Amino acid sequence: MTRRIPIFEYNEELKSQKHQVYKSLIDGVTEAIKSNKEEIKLCEVKNSGMFITVEKPEWKKSLDSALQYYIDVEEYEKCSKIKDLIDKL
């Protein structure tokens, strides 16, 4: 299944889109680990052809933030998946 990369307006606040951003992070890191990539496309800036990317050295820190978010919203299945990803890094 092809991963859908979220598209945001240039001036849109990503903080208000945390759920989409963290989902994209988890899906992107999962895909990157399987295909041995060094960076993921986190989201696209609408109508610009530009992507916000996350490089491999930043994945753990980003996943830690996602883990805290999913703990706060009590989505523990996601927490388990994130812990598995962190262990694979």
N, C-alpha and C. Protein backbone atom coordinates (compact mmCIF):
# COMPACT_ATOMS: atom_id res chain seq x y z
N MET A 1 0.84 -1.19 0.00
CA MET A 1 0.00 0.00 0.00
C MET A 1 0.88 1.25 0.00
N THR A 2 0.57 2.18 -0.87
CA THR A 2 1.34 3.40 -0.97
C THR A 2 0.97 4.35 0.17
N ARG A 3 1.99 4.91 0.77
CA ARG A 3 1.79 5.83 1.88
C ARG A 3 1.30 7.18 1.37
N ARG A 4 0.30 7.73 2.05
CA ARG A 4 -0.20 9.07 1.72
C ARG A 4 0.51 10.10 2.58
N ILE A 5 1.16 11.03 1.94
CA ILE A 5 1.87 12.09 2.65
C ILE A 5 0.91 13.26 2.80
N PRO A 6 0.68 13.72 4.05
CA PRO A 6 -0.26 14.84 4.24
C PRO A 6 0.23 16.12 3.57
N ILE A 7 -0.73 16.92 3.11
CA ILE A 7 -0.42 18.19 2.45
C ILE A 7 -1.01 19.31 3.31
N PHE A 8 -0.17 20.29 3.62
CA PHE A 8 -0.60 21.41 4.46
C PHE A 8 -0.36 22.72 3.72
N GLU A 9 -1.18 23.72 4.05
CA GLU A 9 -0.97 25.07 3.53
C GLU A 9 0.36 25.60 4.04
N TYR A 10 0.98 26.51 3.30
CA TYR A 10 2.28 27.05 3.66
C TYR A 10 2.26 27.65 5.06
N ASN A 11 1.23 28.40 5.40
CA ASN A 11 1.19 29.10 6.68
C ASN A 11 0.38 28.35 7.74
N GLU A 12 0.00 27.11 7.47
CA GLU A 12 -0.80 26.34 8.41
C GLU A 12 0.03 25.92 9.60
N GLU A 13 -0.52 26.00 10.77
CA GLU A 13 0.14 25.63 12.01
C GLU A 13 0.17 24.11 12.12
N LEU A 14 1.36 23.51 12.08
CA LEU A 14 1.46 22.06 12.18
C LEU A 14 1.06 21.56 13.56
N LYS A 15 1.16 22.40 14.57
CA LYS A 15 0.76 21.99 15.92
C LYS A 15 -0.70 21.57 15.96
N SER A 16 -1.53 22.23 15.16
CA SER A 16 -2.96 21.89 15.14
C SER A 16 -3.22 20.61 14.35
N GLN A 17 -2.21 20.12 13.66
CA GLN A 17 -2.33 18.92 12.84
C GLN A 17 -1.48 17.77 13.39
N LYS A 18 -1.22 17.77 14.69
CA LYS A 18 -0.32 16.78 15.30
C LYS A 18 -0.69 15.35 14.94
N HIS A 19 -1.97 15.03 14.98
CA HIS A 19 -2.39 13.65 14.72
C HIS A 19 -1.93 13.20 13.33
N GLN A 20 -2.18 14.04 12.33
CA GLN A 20 -1.77 13.72 10.96
C GLN A 20 -0.25 13.66 10.82
N VAL A 21 0.44 14.60 11.43
CA VAL A 21 1.90 14.66 11.33
C VAL A 21 2.53 13.42 11.98
N TYR A 22 2.08 13.06 13.18
CA TYR A 22 2.65 11.90 13.85
C TYR A 22 2.30 10.60 13.14
N LYS A 23 1.10 10.51 12.57
CA LYS A 23 0.75 9.32 11.80
C LYS A 23 1.69 9.20 10.59
N SER A 24 1.94 10.32 9.92
CA SER A 24 2.85 10.32 8.78
C SER A 24 4.26 9.92 9.20
N LEU A 25 4.68 10.40 10.37
CA LEU A 25 6.00 10.05 10.90
C LEU A 25 6.11 8.54 11.12
N ILE A 26 5.12 7.96 11.79
CA ILE A 26 5.14 6.52 12.08
C ILE A 26 5.14 5.72 10.78
N ASP A 27 4.25 6.07 9.86
CA ASP A 27 4.19 5.36 8.58
C ASP A 27 5.48 5.52 7.79
N GLY A 28 6.02 6.74 7.80
CA GLY A 28 7.25 7.01 7.06
C GLY A 28 8.45 6.27 7.60
N VAL A 29 8.61 6.25 8.91
CA VAL A 29 9.74 5.55 9.52
C VAL A 29 9.59 4.04 9.31
N THR A 30 8.36 3.53 9.42
CA THR A 30 8.12 2.11 9.18
C THR A 30 8.56 1.73 7.77
N GLU A 31 8.14 2.53 6.81
CA GLU A 31 8.48 2.29 5.40
C GLU A 31 9.99 2.43 5.18
N ALA A 32 10.60 3.44 5.78
CA ALA A 32 12.03 3.70 5.59
C ALA A 32 12.89 2.58 6.17
N ILE A 33 12.49 2.02 7.30
CA ILE A 33 13.23 0.92 7.89
C ILE A 33 13.19 -0.29 6.96
N LYS A 34 12.01 -0.56 6.41
CA LYS A 34 11.85 -1.71 5.49
C LYS A 34 12.67 -1.53 4.23
N SER A 35 12.75 -0.30 3.73
CA SER A 35 13.43 -0.06 2.45
C SER A 35 14.83 0.55 2.61
N ASN A 36 15.30 0.63 3.86
CA ASN A 36 16.67 1.10 4.13
C ASN A 36 16.93 2.54 3.67
N LYS A 37 15.98 3.43 3.90
CA LYS A 37 16.14 4.84 3.51
C LYS A 37 16.74 5.64 4.66
N GLU A 38 17.31 6.78 4.33
CA GLU A 38 17.99 7.63 5.31
C GLU A 38 17.16 8.85 5.71
N GLU A 39 16.03 9.08 5.02
CA GLU A 39 15.15 10.19 5.37
C GLU A 39 13.73 9.85 4.95
N ILE A 40 12.79 10.54 5.57
CA ILE A 40 11.38 10.36 5.19
C ILE A 40 10.78 11.70 4.82
N LYS A 41 9.78 11.67 3.96
CA LYS A 41 8.99 12.86 3.66
C LYS A 41 7.86 12.88 4.68
N LEU A 42 7.85 13.89 5.52
CA LEU A 42 6.85 13.99 6.59
C LEU A 42 5.55 14.57 6.06
N CYS A 43 5.65 15.66 5.32
CA CYS A 43 4.46 16.28 4.72
C CYS A 43 4.89 17.16 3.56
N GLU A 44 3.90 17.54 2.77
CA GLU A 44 4.15 18.39 1.61
C GLU A 44 3.54 19.76 1.85
N VAL A 45 4.22 20.79 1.34
CA VAL A 45 3.68 22.15 1.40
C VAL A 45 2.83 22.33 0.14
N LYS A 46 1.54 22.60 0.33
CA LYS A 46 0.57 22.65 -0.77
C LYS A 46 1.00 23.59 -1.89
N ASN A 47 0.85 23.09 -3.11
CA ASN A 47 1.12 23.86 -4.34
C ASN A 47 2.55 24.38 -4.46
N SER A 48 3.51 23.72 -3.80
CA SER A 48 4.89 24.21 -3.87
C SER A 48 5.86 23.16 -4.40
N GLY A 49 5.45 21.90 -4.34
CA GLY A 49 6.36 20.82 -4.72
C GLY A 49 7.45 20.59 -3.68
N MET A 50 7.34 21.25 -2.52
CA MET A 50 8.34 21.12 -1.46
C MET A 50 7.83 20.19 -0.37
N PHE A 51 8.76 19.44 0.22
CA PHE A 51 8.42 18.50 1.28
C PHE A 51 9.20 18.85 2.54
N ILE A 52 8.58 18.62 3.69
CA ILE A 52 9.29 18.69 4.97
C ILE A 52 9.77 17.28 5.23
N THR A 53 11.08 17.12 5.41
CA THR A 53 11.66 15.79 5.59
C THR A 53 12.26 15.64 6.99
N VAL A 54 12.43 14.39 7.40
CA VAL A 54 13.08 14.09 8.67
C VAL A 54 14.20 13.09 8.36
N GLU A 55 15.42 13.46 8.72
CA GLU A 55 16.58 12.60 8.46
C GLU A 55 16.72 11.56 9.56
N LYS A 56 17.34 10.44 9.23
CA LYS A 56 17.44 9.30 10.15
C LYS A 56 17.96 9.66 11.54
N PRO A 57 18.99 10.52 11.68
CA PRO A 57 19.46 10.84 13.04
C PRO A 57 18.38 11.49 13.93
N GLU A 58 17.34 12.05 13.32
CA GLU A 58 16.27 12.73 14.08
C GLU A 58 15.07 11.83 14.35
N TRP A 59 15.05 10.62 13.80
CA TRP A 59 13.87 9.76 13.93
C TRP A 59 13.56 9.42 15.37
N LYS A 60 14.56 9.06 16.16
CA LYS A 60 14.30 8.64 17.53
C LYS A 60 13.67 9.77 18.34
N LYS A 61 14.25 10.97 18.21
CA LYS A 61 13.71 12.12 18.94
C LYS A 61 12.28 12.42 18.49
N SER A 62 12.04 12.32 17.21
CA SER A 62 10.69 12.56 16.68
C SER A 62 9.72 11.50 17.15
N LEU A 63 10.16 10.24 17.15
CA LEU A 63 9.29 9.16 17.63
C LEU A 63 9.01 9.29 19.13
N ASP A 64 10.00 9.76 19.89
CA ASP A 64 9.79 10.01 21.32
C ASP A 64 8.68 11.05 21.52
N SER A 65 8.67 12.10 20.69
CA SER A 65 7.62 13.12 20.77
C SER A 65 6.26 12.52 20.41
N ALA A 66 6.25 11.68 19.38
CA ALA A 66 5.00 11.03 18.97
C ALA A 66 4.50 10.11 20.07
N LEU A 67 5.42 9.39 20.71
CA LEU A 67 5.06 8.49 21.80
C LEU A 67 4.38 9.27 22.93
N GLN A 68 4.94 10.41 23.30
CA GLN A 68 4.35 11.23 24.36
C GLN A 68 2.96 11.71 23.96
N TYR A 69 2.81 12.12 22.70
CA TYR A 69 1.51 12.57 22.21
C TYR A 69 0.47 11.46 22.33
N TYR A 70 0.82 10.25 21.88
CA TYR A 70 -0.14 9.15 21.91
C TYR A 70 -0.41 8.66 23.34
N ILE A 71 0.54 8.82 24.24
CA ILE A 71 0.27 8.53 25.65
C ILE A 71 -0.76 9.53 26.18
N ASP A 72 -0.56 10.81 25.84
CA ASP A 72 -1.47 11.86 26.30
C ASP A 72 -2.89 11.67 25.80
N VAL A 73 -3.04 11.18 24.56
CA VAL A 73 -4.39 10.98 24.00
C VAL A 73 -4.88 9.55 24.21
N GLU A 74 -4.09 8.76 24.94
CA GLU A 74 -4.44 7.40 25.34
C GLU A 74 -4.70 6.46 24.16
N GLU A 75 -3.86 6.56 23.12
CA GLU A 75 -3.92 5.63 21.99
C GLU A 75 -2.75 4.66 22.15
N TYR A 76 -2.96 3.67 22.99
CA TYR A 76 -1.86 2.80 23.41
C TYR A 76 -1.40 1.82 22.33
N GLU A 77 -2.25 1.50 21.36
CA GLU A 77 -1.81 0.65 20.25
C GLU A 77 -0.71 1.35 19.46
N LYS A 78 -0.89 2.64 19.26
CA LYS A 78 0.14 3.43 18.56
C LYS A 78 1.42 3.47 19.38
N CYS A 79 1.28 3.58 20.70
CA CYS A 79 2.45 3.61 21.58
C CYS A 79 3.27 2.34 21.41
N SER A 80 2.61 1.22 21.35
CA SER A 80 3.28 -0.06 21.17
C SER A 80 4.04 -0.10 19.84
N LYS A 81 3.39 0.37 18.80
CA LYS A 81 4.03 0.40 17.47
C LYS A 81 5.26 1.32 17.48
N ILE A 82 5.13 2.47 18.14
CA ILE A 82 6.25 3.42 18.21
C ILE A 82 7.43 2.81 18.97
N LYS A 83 7.14 2.13 20.09
CA LYS A 83 8.22 1.48 20.85
C LYS A 83 8.93 0.44 20.01
N ASP A 84 8.18 -0.32 19.22
CA ASP A 84 8.79 -1.31 18.32
C ASP A 84 9.71 -0.63 17.30
N LEU A 85 9.27 0.51 16.75
CA LEU A 85 10.10 1.24 15.79
C LEU A 85 11.38 1.74 16.43
N ILE A 86 11.25 2.31 17.64
CA ILE A 86 12.43 2.82 18.34
C ILE A 86 13.43 1.69 18.58
N ASP A 87 12.93 0.51 18.94
CA ASP A 87 13.81 -0.64 19.17
C ASP A 87 14.54 -1.07 17.90
N LYS A 88 13.93 -0.86 16.74
CA LYS A 88 14.54 -1.25 15.46
C LYS A 88 15.62 -0.26 15.00
N LEU A 89 15.61 0.93 15.57
CA LEU A 89 16.58 1.96 15.11
C LEU A 89 17.98 1.69 15.60
